[in-house]
N, C-alpha and C. Protein backbone atom coordinates (compact mmCIF):
# COMPACT_ATOMS: atom_id res chain seq x y z
N UNK A 1 -4.58 2.30 3.64
CA UNK A 1 -5.35 0.78 3.56
C UNK A 1 -4.97 0.34 4.55
N UNK A 2 -6.19 -0.41 4.82
CA UNK A 2 -6.22 -1.33 6.21
C UNK A 2 -5.58 -2.49 5.88
N UNK A 3 -4.71 -2.84 7.58
CA UNK A 3 -3.98 -4.20 7.34
C UNK A 3 -4.77 -5.57 6.89
N UNK A 4 -4.63 -6.08 6.49
CA UNK A 4 -4.99 -7.29 5.96
C UNK A 4 -4.79 -8.12 6.96
N UNK A 5 -5.85 -8.87 7.65
CA UNK A 5 -5.61 -10.18 8.90
C UNK A 5 -4.41 -10.44 8.45
N UNK A 6 -4.48 -11.21 7.77
CA UNK A 6 -3.40 -12.09 7.29
C UNK A 6 -1.90 -11.57 7.36
N UNK A 7 -1.62 -10.48 7.24
CA UNK A 7 -0.48 -9.68 7.70
C UNK A 7 -0.09 -9.06 8.99
N UNK A 8 -1.03 -8.83 9.93
CA UNK A 8 -1.39 -7.99 10.93
C UNK A 8 0.10 -8.51 11.78
N UNK A 9 0.53 -9.46 11.51
CA UNK A 9 1.65 -10.63 12.77
C UNK A 9 2.90 -9.76 11.63
N UNK A 10 2.73 -9.40 10.64
CA UNK A 10 3.80 -8.55 9.93
C UNK A 10 4.65 -7.54 10.46
N UNK A 11 3.52 -6.70 11.27
CA UNK A 11 3.54 -5.47 11.37
C UNK A 11 4.13 -5.46 13.16
N UNK A 12 5.15 -4.51 13.27
CA UNK A 12 5.70 -4.16 14.62
C UNK A 12 4.37 -4.05 15.57
N UNK A 13 4.55 -3.87 16.44
CA UNK A 13 3.51 -3.84 17.96
C UNK A 13 3.52 -2.37 17.87
N UNK A 14 4.54 -1.26 18.07
CA UNK A 14 4.77 -0.34 17.78
C UNK A 14 4.05 0.94 16.56
N UNK A 15 3.17 0.08 15.69
CA UNK A 15 3.12 0.64 14.12
C UNK A 15 2.38 1.88 14.49
N UNK A 16 1.53 1.93 15.11
CA UNK A 16 0.76 2.97 15.47
C UNK A 16 1.46 4.53 15.57
N UNK A 17 2.54 3.88 16.68
CA UNK A 17 3.51 5.19 16.65
C UNK A 17 4.41 5.43 15.89
N UNK A 18 4.82 4.47 14.81
CA UNK A 18 5.77 4.67 14.00
C UNK A 18 4.63 5.50 12.65
N UNK A 19 3.35 5.05 12.56
CA UNK A 19 2.81 5.94 11.62
C UNK A 19 2.57 7.58 11.95
N UNK A 20 2.76 7.57 13.34
CA UNK A 20 2.28 8.97 13.76
C UNK A 20 3.47 9.59 13.59
N UNK A 21 4.86 9.00 13.70
CA UNK A 21 5.71 9.76 13.39
C UNK A 21 5.97 10.18 11.55
N UNK A 22 5.47 9.52 10.90
CA UNK A 22 5.44 9.32 9.42
C UNK A 22 4.73 10.87 9.15
N UNK A 23 3.50 11.07 10.02
CA UNK A 23 2.35 11.85 9.82
C UNK A 23 3.11 13.23 10.05
N UNK A 24 3.93 13.25 11.34
CA UNK A 24 4.51 14.27 11.82
C UNK A 24 5.67 14.93 10.62
N UNK A 25 6.03 13.77 10.42
CA UNK A 25 7.25 14.39 8.95
C UNK A 25 6.34 14.80 7.99
N UNK A 26 5.15 14.35 7.23
CA UNK A 26 4.30 14.75 6.37
C UNK A 26 3.93 16.18 6.53
N UNK A 27 3.62 16.85 7.77
CA UNK A 27 2.78 17.45 7.94
C UNK A 27 1.29 17.64 7.89
N UNK A 28 0.76 15.60 7.56
CA UNK A 28 -0.52 15.20 7.56
C UNK A 28 -0.98 16.12 5.95
N UNK A 29 -0.01 15.57 5.17
CA UNK A 29 -0.05 16.04 3.76
C UNK A 29 0.68 14.75 3.03
N UNK A 30 -0.03 14.20 1.69
CA UNK A 30 0.66 13.33 1.08
C UNK A 30 2.30 13.94 0.80
N UNK A 31 2.94 13.01 0.57
CA UNK A 31 4.62 13.10 0.46
C UNK A 31 4.89 13.02 -1.03
N UNK A 32 3.93 12.90 -2.23
CA UNK A 32 4.34 12.90 -3.25
C UNK A 32 5.22 11.79 -3.63
N UNK A 33 4.79 10.97 -4.84
CA UNK A 33 4.86 9.63 -5.37
C UNK A 33 5.70 9.97 -6.49
N UNK A 34 6.73 9.05 -6.83
CA UNK A 34 7.44 9.08 -8.47
C UNK A 34 7.07 10.06 -9.46
N UNK A 35 5.64 9.42 -9.65
CA UNK A 35 4.93 10.04 -10.49
C UNK A 35 4.09 11.28 -10.43
N UNK A 36 3.86 11.75 -9.16
CA UNK A 36 3.32 13.01 -8.94
C UNK A 36 4.28 13.57 -7.72
N UNK A 37 5.29 13.59 -7.99
CA UNK A 37 6.25 14.43 -6.62
C UNK A 37 5.66 15.68 -6.06
N UNK A 38 5.01 16.49 -6.96
CA UNK A 38 4.46 17.65 -6.43
C UNK A 38 3.39 17.69 -5.45
N UNK A 39 2.86 16.26 -5.19
CA UNK A 39 1.46 16.03 -4.57
C UNK A 39 1.37 16.27 -3.23
N UNK A 40 0.82 17.43 -2.67
CA UNK A 40 0.66 17.55 -1.49
C UNK A 40 -0.52 17.68 -0.64
N UNK A 41 -1.66 16.92 -1.47
CA UNK A 41 -2.98 16.67 -0.99
C UNK A 41 -3.14 16.84 0.82
N UNK A 42 -3.83 17.15 1.02
CA UNK A 42 -4.30 17.50 2.77
C UNK A 42 -4.99 16.50 3.12
N UNK A 43 -4.62 15.63 4.44
CA UNK A 43 -5.72 14.20 4.68
C UNK A 43 -6.98 15.55 5.26
N UNK A 44 -8.28 14.46 4.76
CA UNK A 44 -9.81 14.85 5.13
C UNK A 44 -10.25 16.05 4.23
N UNK A 45 -9.44 16.96 3.18
CA UNK A 45 -9.65 17.45 2.26
C UNK A 45 -9.94 17.13 0.97
N UNK A 46 -10.66 17.95 0.03
CA UNK A 46 -10.78 17.27 -1.08
C UNK A 46 -9.59 17.14 -2.15
N UNK A 47 -9.44 16.26 -2.61
CA UNK A 47 -7.93 15.94 -3.40
C UNK A 47 -8.13 17.33 -4.09
N UNK A 48 -7.04 17.96 -4.69
CA UNK A 48 -6.58 18.95 -5.71
C UNK A 48 -6.93 18.43 -7.24
N UNK A 49 -6.76 17.39 -7.36
CA UNK A 49 -6.55 16.59 -8.64
C UNK A 49 -8.10 15.84 -9.02
N UNK A 50 -8.12 15.36 -8.08
CA UNK A 50 -9.46 13.97 -8.08
C UNK A 50 -10.86 14.49 -7.82
N UNK A 51 -10.71 15.64 -6.71
CA UNK A 51 -11.87 16.01 -5.69
C UNK A 51 -12.37 14.68 -4.76
N UNK A 52 -11.98 13.62 -4.99
CA UNK A 52 -12.07 12.63 -3.67
C UNK A 52 -12.09 13.17 -2.12
N UNK A 53 -12.32 12.82 -1.25
CA UNK A 53 -11.45 13.24 -0.19
C UNK A 53 -10.43 12.45 0.04
N UNK A 54 -9.86 12.96 0.41
CA UNK A 54 -8.13 12.53 0.87
C UNK A 54 -7.96 11.23 1.97
N UNK A 55 -7.60 10.16 1.80
CA UNK A 55 -7.15 9.60 3.10
C UNK A 55 -5.79 9.44 2.92
N UNK A 56 -5.21 9.90 3.83
CA UNK A 56 -3.75 9.37 3.85
C UNK A 56 -3.38 8.12 4.31
N UNK A 57 -2.31 7.27 3.56
CA UNK A 57 -1.96 5.85 4.59
C UNK A 57 -0.26 6.02 4.50
N UNK A 58 0.01 4.97 5.30
CA UNK A 58 1.37 4.64 5.19
C UNK A 58 2.13 3.73 4.30
N UNK A 59 2.75 3.85 3.36
CA UNK A 59 3.23 2.87 2.59
C UNK A 59 4.61 2.21 2.97
N UNK A 60 4.69 1.47 2.24
CA UNK A 60 6.39 0.85 2.38
C UNK A 60 6.81 0.53 0.64
N UNK A 61 8.02 1.53 0.67
CA UNK A 61 8.46 1.36 -0.52
C UNK A 61 8.38 0.33 -1.07
N UNK A 62 9.10 -0.82 -0.47
CA UNK A 62 9.99 -1.94 -0.85
C UNK A 62 8.65 -3.36 -0.62
N UNK A 63 7.24 -2.69 0.10
CA UNK A 63 6.50 -3.37 -0.15
C UNK A 63 6.59 -4.74 1.11
N UNK A 64 7.53 -4.49 1.83
CA UNK A 64 7.95 -5.24 3.19
C UNK A 64 7.11 -4.60 4.31
N UNK A 65 6.18 -5.12 5.11
CA UNK A 65 5.87 -4.42 6.41
C UNK A 65 6.70 -4.82 7.47
N UNK A 66 7.77 -5.51 7.61
CA UNK A 66 8.59 -5.94 8.41
C UNK A 66 9.71 -4.61 8.74
N UNK A 67 9.87 -3.98 7.25
CA UNK A 67 10.72 -3.31 7.03
C UNK A 67 10.25 -1.63 7.33
N UNK A 68 10.56 -0.76 8.71
CA UNK A 68 9.68 0.11 8.79
C UNK A 68 10.38 1.24 9.19
N UNK A 69 11.77 1.21 8.73
CA UNK A 69 12.31 2.30 9.02
C UNK A 69 12.08 3.47 8.36
N UNK A 70 11.93 4.81 8.90
CA UNK A 70 11.32 5.92 8.13
C UNK A 70 11.57 6.15 7.07
N UNK A 71 13.00 5.53 6.25
CA UNK A 71 13.13 6.04 5.16
C UNK A 71 12.42 5.50 4.27
N UNK A 72 11.87 4.21 4.74
CA UNK A 72 11.13 3.21 3.76
C UNK A 72 9.86 3.49 3.69
N UNK A 73 9.02 4.32 4.58
CA UNK A 73 7.76 4.86 4.40
C UNK A 73 7.40 6.14 3.79
N UNK A 74 6.43 6.30 3.31
CA UNK A 74 5.94 7.31 2.89
C UNK A 74 4.02 7.32 2.96
N UNK A 75 3.99 8.82 3.45
CA UNK A 75 2.81 9.16 3.56
C UNK A 75 2.10 9.36 2.49
N UNK A 76 1.27 8.74 2.04
CA UNK A 76 0.52 8.91 0.43
C UNK A 76 -1.10 9.08 0.29
N UNK A 77 -1.47 9.70 -0.22
CA UNK A 77 -2.98 9.97 -1.02
C UNK A 77 -3.49 8.71 -1.66
N UNK A 78 -4.42 8.36 -1.69
CA UNK A 78 -4.97 7.53 -2.61
C UNK A 78 -4.12 7.31 -3.79
N UNK A 79 -4.48 8.41 -4.78
CA UNK A 79 -3.69 8.34 -6.11
C UNK A 79 -2.47 8.07 -5.83
N UNK A 80 -1.79 8.39 -5.00
CA UNK A 80 0.01 8.36 -5.07
C UNK A 80 0.06 6.75 -4.78
N UNK A 81 -0.65 6.38 -4.01
CA UNK A 81 -0.46 5.13 -2.77
C UNK A 81 -0.54 4.04 -4.25
N UNK A 82 -1.60 4.15 -4.77
CA UNK A 82 -2.39 3.15 -5.80
C UNK A 82 -1.40 3.14 -7.18
N UNK A 83 -0.98 4.54 -7.59
CA UNK A 83 -0.21 4.46 -8.55
C UNK A 83 1.52 3.45 -8.49
N UNK A 84 1.70 4.36 -6.98
CA UNK A 84 3.10 3.41 -6.95
C UNK A 84 3.01 1.95 -7.01
N UNK A 85 1.77 1.28 -6.42
CA UNK A 85 1.74 -0.15 -5.97
C UNK A 85 1.09 -0.82 -7.24
N UNK A 86 1.04 0.01 -8.32
CA UNK A 86 0.55 -0.66 -9.65
C UNK A 86 1.00 -2.00 -10.01
N UNK A 87 2.33 -1.86 -10.32
CA UNK A 87 3.36 -2.85 -10.81
C UNK A 87 3.21 -4.28 -9.50
N UNK A 88 3.42 -3.78 -8.31
CA UNK A 88 3.26 -4.81 -7.53
C UNK A 88 1.77 -5.30 -7.19
N UNK A 89 1.19 -4.80 -7.50
CA UNK A 89 -0.79 -5.22 -7.60
C UNK A 89 -0.80 -6.38 -8.93
N UNK A 90 -0.27 -5.87 -10.02
CA UNK A 90 -0.13 -6.64 -11.09
C UNK A 90 0.47 -7.94 -11.09
N UNK A 91 1.58 -7.65 -10.18
CA UNK A 91 2.27 -8.98 -10.03
C UNK A 91 1.96 -10.01 -9.27
N UNK A 92 1.02 -9.71 -8.26
CA UNK A 92 0.51 -10.34 -6.87
C UNK A 92 -1.16 -11.05 -7.59
N UNK A 93 -1.28 -9.86 -8.57
CA UNK A 93 -2.55 -10.92 -9.50
C UNK A 93 -2.29 -11.54 -10.14
N UNK A 94 -0.78 -11.93 -11.05
CA UNK A 94 -0.69 -12.97 -11.69
C UNK A 94 -0.32 -13.94 -10.96
N UNK A 95 0.32 -13.85 -9.99
CA UNK A 95 0.76 -14.97 -8.95
C UNK A 95 -0.50 -15.76 -8.76
N UNK A 96 -1.56 -14.93 -8.42
CA UNK A 96 -2.74 -15.75 -7.65
C UNK A 96 -3.45 -16.34 -8.87
N UNK A 97 -3.33 -15.84 -9.87
CA UNK A 97 -4.12 -16.45 -11.11
C UNK A 97 -3.33 -17.65 -11.67
N UNK A 98 -1.90 -17.41 -11.06
CA UNK A 98 -1.01 -18.97 -11.51
C UNK A 98 -1.29 -20.11 -10.39
N UNK A 99 -1.33 -19.60 -9.05
CA UNK A 99 -1.66 -20.34 -8.41
C UNK A 99 -3.44 -20.89 -8.21
N UNK A 100 -3.89 -19.89 -8.66
CA UNK A 100 -5.53 -20.84 -8.97
C UNK A 100 -5.87 -22.03 -10.00
N UNK A 101 -4.95 -21.75 -11.39
CA UNK A 101 -4.58 -22.53 -12.17
C UNK A 101 -4.08 -23.62 -11.95
N UNK A 102 -3.19 -23.91 -11.03
CA UNK A 102 -2.43 -24.82 -10.50
C UNK A 102 -3.70 -25.87 -9.44
N UNK A 103 -4.28 -25.20 -8.80
CA UNK A 103 -5.28 -26.12 -8.14
C UNK A 103 -5.97 -26.78 -9.10
N UNK A 104 -6.36 -25.86 -10.23
CA UNK A 104 -7.73 -26.04 -10.93
C UNK A 104 -7.03 -27.46 -11.86
N UNK A 105 -5.87 -27.33 -12.36
CA UNK A 105 -5.01 -28.27 -12.58
C UNK A 105 -4.96 -29.52 -11.70
N UNK A 106 -4.66 -29.49 -10.44
CA UNK A 106 -4.61 -30.71 -9.72
C UNK A 106 -5.96 -31.18 -9.33
N UNK A 107 -6.98 -30.68 -9.63
CA UNK A 107 -8.12 -31.41 -9.40
C UNK A 107 -8.89 -31.88 -10.28
N UNK A 108 -8.39 -31.37 -12.02
CA UNK A 108 -9.05 -31.97 -12.83
C UNK A 108 -7.96 -33.15 -13.35
N UNK A 109 -6.70 -33.43 -13.00
CA UNK A 109 -6.18 -34.32 -12.77
C UNK A 109 -6.62 -35.61 -12.05
N UNK A 110 -7.28 -35.19 -11.19
CA UNK A 110 -7.70 -36.32 -10.16
C UNK A 110 -8.43 -37.07 -10.75
N UNK A 111 -9.39 -36.27 -11.43
CA UNK A 111 -10.33 -37.02 -12.36
C UNK A 111 -10.28 -37.83 -13.29
N UNK A 112 -9.07 -37.92 -13.87
CA UNK A 112 -8.70 -39.09 -14.76
C UNK A 112 -8.40 -40.19 -14.10
């Protein structure tokens, strides 16, 4: 997944070299996630389960971009990465909705 512009500064300057170490470790294949531990989908090839072209990404297990120890990073296909992040994405979505509602309430109260 591409790094969002607002998070770019959170990644170390040598991020590309770190990703290359993860790629070497993985053999350019998915390293498998907790829900799909045997996934070994090959980068650029059709995924054996979904049929979509595999694009491997480097994932932070703790979702903290600054924490780039190799033990905290995994090389994952889209299915494994999105499945692993589903709870994190849901919480982020809830926080965004709460913030939007708070702003809407603030503006609603200004009109009174």
